[in-house]
Amino acid sequence: MSIPMRDLFFSFLAVGQVAMGANLCVNPGAASGCYGTIGAAVKAANAGDQIKVAAGQYAEDVTITKPLSLIGAGAGATIINARGLSNGIYIDGLDNAGLAHVLVSGFTVMNANFEGILLTNASYIVIAQNHVTGNAQSLNVSASTCAGLPVFETSEASDCGEGIHLVGVDHSTVSNNLVELNSGGVLLSDETGYTHDNLITGNTVQDNAYACGITMASHPPSPQAASKLPYGIFNNIIEGNSSLHNGLAGSGGAGIGIFAPAPGNQNFGNRIVGNVLQGNGHPGVTMHNHAAPPGAPAINLNDNQIIGNLISGNGADTEDATTPGTAGIDVYSVAPVYGTVIAQNTIANEAVDVVMNNPGTLELHMNNLLGGKTGVANISTGAVSDSMNYFGCAAGPGTTGCGAITGTVASAPWLTAPVSTAPTGGVATSRQ
């Protein structure tokens, strides 16, 4: 499996910190001077050390509180089975201020009550080439609760924090992981601090039944947080992932979700680039804000970009954000949202390719809108600038063989041939 150069660069940031440290080892029998548990090695390590974990199964909840590298023998060989425990791996910057430069690679992390891998208030972390599966074991689906979830996680009770969860994390990379069969896949939230300038790349996120594949969700601040307003999620890049068949149970989930649901929430300036989003329970990319009462703190769901993705065969949005059929992209907000750019995507096998339901604006250009029924539906009072898109035939929107337009949309000129797009998708990884 190849790693993109940008991932190697971010890995170097983490590993460079540990280049002069000691080498520690772990194996199940504590043979040859190694530790018998990962937790014991982490406790004994100094900042900058490298810990190599041999093949085997480790029944642990590993908490990392210092800069180090934790390297398994490969996801098919080194297994952290956290059954009955809170997490598989917890990188705890919430209780260890300034935590940075941690690398975790080469593990299967499974069966935790909550997250497989949890990161809080940390910087320059690399989570690469792991298999995160079967976590969120404490989820009570019928009650939408997760007994025992830490109090600082203010809005995850219905999904136990998902497979990999970044909270108050910046300048970090989640790369080339297989994340499957959890409640949800990869979650970025902001209960304990700003979450920004992270790269989520090359992951395959599939078959997570109860939530989105990849989610950026601004949440109410933790009770322990200094701020009484939401912190915010911004300047993150979600690039080259495959998000497949997520959110097909319960209330469902999107391929990628961008959520600022309540007054004061902030989720802006993020880029969704070159992903493959197929067969998810809600639209391939779903943006939501649900409340904007007079006098309430303003939300910020502005300036997000959705570029160069392949989106196909996803579901409809529901409840207040209901779409007129299955949809590729849904931009829903009670409050005005500005600066959303949707460009160079290929959207197919949807009843509606793009749904606009927000009183702000939407820029929609250079897309292949191939669903065949409705290319663009504006079901709001907002303004859609829809030019230079291909609607499935040369004659343009509303003609035989082309997708239609509903609502007020400025659609001319259109393209007479498809535009070239080349999403890269996630890692080619089979289940272990």
Protein backbone atom coordinates (compact mmCIF):
# COMPACT_ATOMS: atom_id res chain seq x y z
CA MET A 1 0.00 0.00 0.00
CA SER A 2 1.48 3.33 -1.01
CA ILE A 3 1.29 6.44 1.16
CA PRO A 4 0.89 9.86 -0.51
CA MET A 5 3.83 12.21 -0.13
CA ARG A 6 1.83 14.60 2.04
CA ASP A 7 1.21 11.74 4.49
CA LEU A 8 4.89 10.95 4.59
CA PHE A 9 5.52 14.61 5.36
CA PHE A 10 3.05 14.62 8.23
CA SER A 11 4.49 11.30 9.44
CA PHE A 12 7.93 12.87 9.40
CA LEU A 13 6.65 15.64 11.66
CA ALA A 14 5.67 13.02 14.21
CA VAL A 15 8.53 10.59 13.76
CA GLY A 16 11.12 13.35 13.64
CA GLN A 17 10.24 14.10 17.24
CA VAL A 18 11.14 10.54 18.21
CA ALA A 19 14.21 9.96 16.06
CA MET A 20 16.66 10.23 18.97
CA GLY A 21 14.54 8.29 21.48
CA ALA A 22 14.96 4.76 22.75
CA ASN A 23 13.42 1.68 21.15
CA LEU A 24 11.07 -0.36 23.33
CA CYS A 25 9.34 -3.59 22.43
CA VAL A 26 6.18 -5.46 23.39
CA ASN A 27 5.19 -9.07 22.84
CA PRO A 28 2.53 -11.27 24.47
CA GLY A 29 5.03 -13.33 26.46
CA ALA A 30 7.26 -10.45 27.60
CA ALA A 31 10.15 -12.37 26.01
CA SER A 32 13.61 -11.06 25.11
CA GLY A 33 13.46 -8.12 27.46
CA CYS A 34 10.20 -6.78 26.00
CA TYR A 35 7.13 -5.63 27.90
CA GLY A 36 4.13 -7.93 28.08
CA THR A 37 1.53 -5.18 27.61
CA ILE A 38 1.37 -2.08 25.47
CA GLY A 39 0.25 -0.01 28.46
CA ALA A 40 3.35 -0.99 30.45
CA ALA A 41 5.63 0.03 27.60
CA VAL A 42 3.84 3.36 27.15
CA LYS A 43 4.12 4.07 30.88
CA ALA A 44 7.84 3.29 30.86
CA ALA A 45 8.60 5.24 27.70
CA ASN A 46 10.12 8.68 27.67
CA ALA A 47 9.08 11.44 25.30
CA GLY A 48 10.35 10.62 21.83
CA ASP A 49 10.65 6.87 22.29
CA GLN A 50 9.51 4.32 19.72
CA ILE A 51 7.49 1.29 20.83
CA LYS A 52 7.28 -1.68 18.49
CA VAL A 53 4.46 -4.12 19.25
CA ALA A 54 4.81 -7.67 18.00
CA ALA A 55 2.04 -9.74 16.46
CA GLY A 56 -0.52 -10.99 18.93
CA GLN A 57 -3.71 -9.99 20.68
CA TYR A 58 -3.67 -7.42 23.50
CA ALA A 59 -6.71 -6.93 25.75
CA GLU A 60 -6.06 -3.29 26.63
CA ASP A 61 -7.25 0.30 26.70
CA VAL A 62 -4.00 2.10 25.84
CA THR A 63 -3.71 5.73 26.98
CA ILE A 64 -0.94 7.86 25.45
CA THR A 65 0.09 10.99 27.35
CA LYS A 66 3.48 11.84 25.82
CA PRO A 67 5.04 12.18 22.36
CA LEU A 68 6.03 8.75 21.05
CA SER A 69 5.58 6.33 18.17
CA LEU A 70 3.46 3.22 18.67
CA ILE A 71 3.99 0.81 15.79
CA GLY A 72 2.34 -2.58 15.35
CA ALA A 73 3.40 -5.43 13.10
CA GLY A 74 0.49 -4.70 10.75
CA ALA A 75 -3.26 -4.51 11.10
CA GLY A 76 -3.63 -8.18 10.32
CA ALA A 77 -1.14 -9.19 13.00
CA THR A 78 -1.21 -6.83 16.00
CA ILE A 79 -4.67 -6.63 17.53
CA ILE A 80 -5.92 -4.48 20.40
CA ASN A 81 -9.13 -6.17 21.55
CA ALA A 82 -10.73 -3.67 23.94
CA ARG A 83 -13.88 -5.65 24.70
CA GLY A 84 -15.41 -4.34 27.94
CA LEU A 85 -13.04 -1.34 27.95
CA SER A 86 -13.67 2.31 27.08
CA ASN A 87 -11.36 2.75 24.09
CA GLY A 88 -8.72 0.85 22.20
CA ILE A 89 -6.27 3.76 22.05
CA TYR A 90 -6.74 7.16 23.71
CA ILE A 91 -4.33 9.99 22.87
CA ASP A 92 -5.14 12.19 25.87
CA GLY A 93 -4.24 15.82 25.41
CA LEU A 94 -7.26 16.90 27.43
CA ASP A 95 -5.45 15.93 30.64
CA ASN A 96 -1.94 16.48 29.26
CA ALA A 97 -1.76 20.01 27.88
CA GLY A 98 0.36 20.51 24.79
CA LEU A 99 0.45 16.87 23.75
CA ALA A 100 1.85 16.58 20.22
CA HIS A 101 3.85 14.36 17.88
CA VAL A 102 2.30 10.93 18.37
CA LEU A 103 2.29 8.24 15.66
CA VAL A 104 0.00 5.18 15.80
CA SER A 105 0.29 2.70 12.94
CA GLY A 106 -0.10 -0.98 12.17
CA PHE A 107 -2.92 -2.14 14.49
CA THR A 108 -6.36 -3.63 14.41
CA VAL A 109 -8.37 -1.85 17.12
CA MET A 110 -11.66 -3.54 17.91
CA ASN A 111 -14.58 -4.06 20.29
CA ALA A 112 -14.19 -0.96 22.52
CA ASN A 113 -17.27 0.33 24.32
CA PHE A 114 -16.77 3.77 22.80
CA GLU A 115 -14.19 4.87 20.21
CA GLY A 116 -11.62 2.56 18.74
CA ILE A 117 -9.13 5.46 18.58
CA LEU A 118 -9.87 8.72 20.44
CA LEU A 119 -7.77 11.91 20.26
CA THR A 120 -8.41 14.97 22.42
CA ASN A 121 -6.71 18.39 22.43
CA ALA A 122 -3.57 17.28 20.62
CA SER A 123 -1.49 18.46 17.66
CA TYR A 124 0.61 16.85 14.93
CA ILE A 125 -0.77 13.35 15.45
CA VAL A 126 -0.61 10.67 12.75
CA ILE A 127 -3.06 7.74 12.71
CA ALA A 128 -2.10 5.60 9.72
CA GLN A 129 -2.65 2.13 8.28
CA ASN A 130 -4.85 0.74 11.05
CA HIS A 131 -8.01 -1.36 10.91
CA VAL A 132 -10.64 0.06 13.26
CA THR A 133 -13.63 -2.24 13.51
CA GLY A 134 -16.54 -3.30 15.70
CA ASN A 135 -16.26 -0.50 18.25
CA ALA A 136 -19.11 1.44 19.93
CA GLN A 137 -20.14 -1.73 21.75
CA SER A 138 -22.05 0.24 24.43
CA LEU A 139 -24.47 1.68 21.90
CA ASN A 140 -28.09 1.01 22.83
CA VAL A 141 -29.69 1.39 19.44
CA SER A 142 -33.30 1.35 20.59
CA ALA A 143 -32.71 4.10 23.17
CA SER A 144 -30.09 6.03 21.15
CA THR A 145 -27.82 6.12 24.20
CA CYS A 146 -24.28 5.06 25.06
CA ALA A 147 -23.97 4.27 28.76
CA GLY A 148 -20.80 5.56 30.42
CA LEU A 149 -19.64 7.85 27.62
CA PRO A 150 -17.35 10.58 29.07
CA VAL A 151 -19.14 13.79 29.98
CA PHE A 152 -16.91 15.92 27.73
CA GLU A 153 -18.46 14.24 24.67
CA THR A 154 -21.62 16.30 24.57
CA SER A 155 -23.40 14.97 21.48
CA GLU A 156 -22.17 11.44 20.79
CA ALA A 157 -24.54 9.42 22.98
CA SER A 158 -26.31 8.01 19.94
CA ASP A 159 -23.13 6.67 18.31
CA CYS A 160 -20.55 6.28 21.13
CA GLY A 161 -18.07 8.56 19.37
CA GLU A 162 -17.64 6.29 16.32
CA GLY A 163 -14.52 4.47 15.12
CA ILE A 164 -11.90 7.26 15.07
CA HIS A 165 -12.74 10.52 16.87
CA LEU A 166 -10.78 13.79 16.87
CA VAL A 167 -11.88 16.35 19.49
CA GLY A 168 -10.06 19.68 19.77
CA VAL A 169 -7.31 18.37 17.47
CA ASP A 170 -5.24 20.33 14.97
CA HIS A 171 -2.57 19.75 12.29
CA SER A 172 -3.06 16.00 12.41
CA THR A 173 -3.43 13.25 9.80
CA VAL A 174 -5.73 10.23 9.62
CA SER A 175 -4.43 8.28 6.67
CA ASN A 176 -4.92 4.96 4.89
CA ASN A 177 -7.01 3.31 7.58
CA LEU A 178 -9.84 0.83 7.12
CA VAL A 179 -12.72 1.92 9.36
CA GLU A 180 -15.70 -0.41 9.28
CA LEU A 181 -18.53 -1.98 11.25
CA ASN A 182 -18.55 0.70 13.97
CA SER A 183 -21.58 2.88 14.73
CA GLY A 184 -20.02 5.57 12.53
CA GLY A 185 -16.66 6.00 10.85
CA VAL A 186 -14.41 9.04 11.39
CA LEU A 187 -15.68 11.98 13.48
CA LEU A 188 -14.22 15.47 13.93
CA SER A 189 -15.89 17.52 16.68
CA ASP A 190 -15.11 20.49 18.90
CA GLU A 191 -16.47 19.98 22.44
CA THR A 192 -13.11 20.69 24.12
CA GLY A 193 -11.34 22.97 21.63
CA TYR A 194 -11.00 24.12 18.04
CA THR A 195 -10.58 21.31 15.49
CA HIS A 196 -8.73 22.63 12.48
CA ASP A 197 -6.10 22.07 9.79
CA ASN A 198 -6.42 18.30 9.86
CA LEU A 199 -6.05 15.97 6.89
CA ILE A 200 -8.30 12.91 6.51
CA THR A 201 -6.96 11.08 3.47
CA GLY A 202 -6.88 7.73 1.74
CA ASN A 203 -9.16 5.95 4.19
CA THR A 204 -11.80 3.37 3.35
CA VAL A 205 -14.79 3.95 5.63
CA GLN A 206 -17.53 1.42 5.07
CA ASP A 207 -20.50 -0.39 6.58
CA ASN A 208 -20.75 1.78 9.70
CA ALA A 209 -24.46 1.33 10.27
CA TYR A 210 -25.77 4.18 12.43
CA ALA A 211 -23.96 7.38 11.44
CA CYS A 212 -22.02 9.03 8.63
CA GLY A 213 -18.88 7.64 7.10
CA ILE A 214 -16.89 10.84 7.77
CA THR A 215 -18.41 13.58 9.92
CA MET A 216 -17.42 17.12 10.85
CA ALA A 217 -19.88 18.20 13.55
CA SER A 218 -19.70 21.34 15.68
CA HIS A 219 -21.13 20.48 19.12
CA PRO A 220 -21.99 22.25 22.37
CA PRO A 221 -18.88 22.80 24.50
CA SER A 222 -17.96 20.34 27.20
CA PRO A 223 -19.07 21.24 30.74
CA GLN A 224 -15.36 21.54 31.62
CA ALA A 225 -14.60 23.85 28.68
CA ALA A 226 -13.62 27.46 29.31
CA SER A 227 -15.81 28.58 26.42
CA LYS A 228 -19.56 28.72 26.80
CA LEU A 229 -20.00 28.91 23.02
CA PRO A 230 -19.03 26.23 20.49
CA TYR A 231 -15.38 26.34 19.49
CA GLY A 232 -15.53 25.50 15.78
CA ILE A 233 -14.30 23.20 13.04
CA PHE A 234 -12.42 24.77 10.14
CA ASN A 235 -9.73 24.42 7.46
CA ASN A 236 -9.84 20.64 7.43
CA ILE A 237 -9.25 18.62 4.26
CA ILE A 238 -11.21 15.41 3.57
CA GLU A 239 -9.43 14.04 0.52
CA GLY A 240 -9.24 10.83 -1.44
CA ASN A 241 -11.34 8.64 0.85
CA SER A 242 -13.95 6.03 0.01
CA SER A 243 -17.11 6.30 2.12
CA LEU A 244 -19.34 3.38 1.28
CA HIS A 245 -22.60 1.94 2.64
CA ASN A 246 -22.65 3.90 5.88
CA GLY A 247 -25.74 4.98 7.80
CA LEU A 248 -28.05 2.31 6.44
CA ALA A 249 -29.68 1.59 9.84
CA GLY A 250 -31.39 3.69 12.49
CA SER A 251 -31.75 7.37 11.56
CA GLY A 252 -29.10 6.97 8.87
CA GLY A 253 -25.97 8.83 7.87
CA ALA A 254 -24.27 10.50 4.93
CA GLY A 255 -21.10 9.64 3.10
CA ILE A 256 -19.61 12.90 4.44
CA GLY A 257 -21.50 15.19 6.84
CA ILE A 258 -20.76 18.86 7.59
CA PHE A 259 -22.93 19.93 10.51
CA ALA A 260 -23.39 23.17 12.46
CA PRO A 261 -26.78 22.17 13.84
CA ALA A 262 -27.57 24.79 16.50
CA PRO A 263 -27.04 28.50 17.23
CA GLY A 264 -23.36 29.36 17.68
CA ASN A 265 -22.02 26.26 15.95
CA GLN A 266 -19.09 26.86 13.59
CA ASN A 267 -18.10 24.58 10.69
CA PHE A 268 -16.49 26.53 7.88
CA GLY A 269 -13.74 26.68 5.29
CA ASN A 270 -13.39 22.90 4.94
CA ARG A 271 -12.57 21.09 1.68
CA ILE A 272 -14.15 17.81 0.51
CA VAL A 273 -11.98 16.75 -2.42
CA GLY A 274 -11.64 13.66 -4.59
CA ASN A 275 -13.65 11.20 -2.50
CA VAL A 276 -15.81 8.28 -3.61
CA LEU A 277 -19.20 8.41 -1.84
CA GLN A 278 -21.51 5.56 -2.72
CA GLY A 279 -24.49 3.73 -1.28
CA ASN A 280 -24.84 5.68 1.97
CA GLY A 281 -28.13 6.11 3.84
CA HIS A 282 -28.31 9.88 3.39
CA PRO A 283 -26.95 12.06 0.56
CA GLY A 284 -23.30 11.63 -0.39
CA VAL A 285 -22.42 15.04 1.07
CA THR A 286 -24.89 16.45 3.59
CA MET A 287 -24.72 19.92 5.17
CA HIS A 288 -27.10 20.86 8.02
CA ASN A 289 -28.08 23.69 10.30
CA HIS A 290 -31.40 23.27 12.11
CA ALA A 291 -31.99 26.37 14.26
CA ALA A 292 -31.57 30.13 14.01
CA PRO A 293 -33.94 31.82 16.49
CA PRO A 294 -33.91 35.62 16.69
CA GLY A 295 -31.17 36.93 18.97
CA ALA A 296 -29.31 33.61 19.11
CA PRO A 297 -25.58 33.40 18.37
CA ALA A 298 -24.93 33.21 14.63
CA ILE A 299 -23.97 29.93 13.04
CA ASN A 300 -21.13 29.72 10.53
CA LEU A 301 -21.49 27.02 7.90
CA ASN A 302 -19.87 29.17 5.22
CA ASP A 303 -17.11 28.70 2.64
CA ASN A 304 -17.07 24.92 2.46
CA GLN A 305 -15.92 23.43 -0.85
CA ILE A 306 -17.07 20.13 -2.41
CA ILE A 307 -14.77 19.43 -5.35
CA GLY A 308 -13.96 16.52 -7.64
CA ASN A 309 -15.90 13.77 -5.87
CA LEU A 310 -17.63 10.73 -7.35
CA ILE A 311 -21.09 10.47 -5.76
CA SER A 312 -23.56 7.72 -6.60
CA GLY A 313 -26.49 5.73 -5.29
CA ASN A 314 -26.96 7.40 -1.92
CA GLY A 315 -30.18 7.92 0.04
CA ALA A 316 -32.56 10.78 0.68
CA ASP A 317 -32.28 13.28 3.51
CA THR A 318 -35.06 13.10 6.11
CA GLU A 319 -36.98 15.04 8.79
CA ASP A 320 -36.73 18.84 8.47
CA ALA A 321 -34.02 18.50 5.80
CA THR A 322 -36.09 16.19 3.61
CA THR A 323 -34.97 16.08 -0.01
CA PRO A 324 -37.30 15.38 -2.98
CA GLY A 325 -35.88 11.88 -3.42
CA THR A 326 -32.43 10.37 -3.15
CA ALA A 327 -29.71 12.98 -3.49
CA GLY A 328 -26.02 13.39 -4.22
CA ILE A 329 -25.49 16.62 -2.26
CA ASP A 330 -27.89 18.36 0.14
CA VAL A 331 -27.19 21.86 1.46
CA TYR A 332 -29.78 22.49 4.17
CA SER A 333 -29.80 25.39 6.63
CA VAL A 334 -32.35 27.49 8.49
CA ALA A 335 -29.83 30.33 8.67
CA PRO A 336 -28.27 31.77 5.49
CA VAL A 337 -25.14 29.93 4.35
CA TYR A 338 -22.75 31.60 1.91
CA GLY A 339 -19.67 30.62 -0.04
CA THR A 340 -20.53 26.96 -0.65
CA VAL A 341 -18.75 25.83 -3.83
CA ILE A 342 -19.70 22.59 -5.59
CA ALA A 343 -17.41 21.97 -8.57
CA GLN A 344 -16.04 19.19 -10.79
CA ASN A 345 -18.06 16.42 -9.15
CA THR A 346 -19.63 13.51 -10.97
CA ILE A 347 -23.04 12.64 -9.52
CA ALA A 348 -24.99 9.65 -10.80
CA ASN A 349 -27.78 7.26 -9.85
CA GLU A 350 -29.63 9.82 -7.72
CA ALA A 351 -33.16 11.21 -8.07
CA VAL A 352 -31.76 14.70 -7.47
CA ASP A 353 -28.09 15.46 -7.97
CA VAL A 354 -27.89 18.67 -5.89
CA VAL A 355 -30.50 20.03 -3.48
CA MET A 356 -30.35 23.66 -2.33
CA ASN A 357 -32.45 24.36 0.79
CA ASN A 358 -30.96 27.42 2.47
CA PRO A 359 -31.74 31.14 2.26
CA GLY A 360 -28.14 32.00 1.35
CA THR A 361 -26.19 31.28 -1.84
CA LEU A 362 -24.69 28.33 -3.67
CA GLU A 363 -22.05 28.20 -6.43
CA LEU A 364 -22.42 25.14 -8.70
CA HIS A 365 -20.05 24.83 -11.66
CA MET A 366 -18.27 22.28 -13.88
CA ASN A 367 -20.12 19.24 -12.52
CA ASN A 368 -21.41 16.15 -14.31
CA LEU A 369 -25.02 15.87 -13.15
CA LEU A 370 -25.94 12.44 -14.42
CA GLY A 371 -28.74 11.29 -12.14
CA GLY A 372 -31.09 11.53 -15.08
CA LYS A 373 -34.14 13.01 -13.35
CA THR A 374 -33.36 16.33 -11.62
CA GLY A 375 -29.94 17.91 -11.86
CA VAL A 376 -30.56 20.80 -9.45
CA ALA A 377 -33.50 21.38 -7.11
CA ASN A 378 -33.72 24.75 -5.37
CA ILE A 379 -36.45 24.29 -2.77
CA SER A 380 -35.55 27.47 -0.85
CA THR A 381 -35.47 31.22 -1.19
CA GLY A 382 -31.70 31.16 -1.70
CA ALA A 383 -29.81 31.92 -4.91
CA VAL A 384 -28.11 29.21 -6.99
CA SER A 385 -25.46 30.18 -9.53
CA ASP A 386 -25.49 27.12 -11.78
CA SER A 387 -23.43 27.58 -14.91
CA MET A 388 -21.09 25.40 -16.98
CA ASN A 389 -22.51 22.08 -15.73
CA TYR A 390 -23.21 19.00 -17.83
CA PHE A 391 -26.76 17.66 -17.35
CA GLY A 392 -26.35 14.36 -19.21
CA CYS A 393 -26.86 15.49 -22.80
CA ALA A 394 -25.76 18.30 -25.06
CA ALA A 395 -29.16 19.98 -25.33
CA GLY A 396 -29.15 21.19 -21.73
CA PRO A 397 -31.34 20.92 -18.63
CA GLY A 398 -34.95 19.88 -19.04
CA THR A 399 -34.58 18.39 -22.52
CA THR A 400 -35.02 14.72 -23.34
CA GLY A 401 -32.23 12.70 -21.75
CA CYS A 402 -31.02 15.56 -19.57
CA GLY A 403 -31.62 16.26 -15.92
CA ALA A 404 -34.20 18.91 -15.11
CA ILE A 405 -34.03 22.02 -12.92
CA THR A 406 -36.65 22.84 -10.33
CA GLY A 407 -37.01 26.11 -8.49
CA THR A 408 -35.14 29.33 -9.22
CA VAL A 409 -31.77 28.45 -10.74
CA ALA A 410 -29.60 30.46 -13.13
CA SER A 411 -28.40 27.57 -15.30
CA ALA A 412 -26.97 29.02 -18.51
CA PRO A 413 -24.61 28.45 -20.11
CA TRP A 414 -24.28 24.68 -19.68
CA LEU A 415 -21.71 22.21 -20.94
CA THR A 416 -22.43 20.03 -23.97
CA ALA A 417 -20.00 17.28 -22.91
CA PRO A 418 -18.92 15.92 -19.56
CA VAL A 419 -16.05 17.47 -17.66
CA SER A 420 -13.15 15.24 -16.66
CA THR A 421 -13.04 14.34 -12.95
CA ALA A 422 -10.73 11.85 -11.28
CA PRO A 423 -11.50 11.08 -7.62
CA THR A 424 -8.87 8.88 -6.00
CA GLY A 425 -10.89 7.14 -3.27
CA GLY A 426 -9.50 5.32 -0.27
CA VAL A 427 -7.09 2.49 0.34
CA ALA A 428 -7.48 -0.85 -1.38
CA THR A 429 -7.74 -2.84 1.82
CA SER A 430 -9.63 -6.03 2.50
CA ARG A 431 -11.14 -6.94 5.85
CA GLN A 432 -8.84 -8.72 8.25
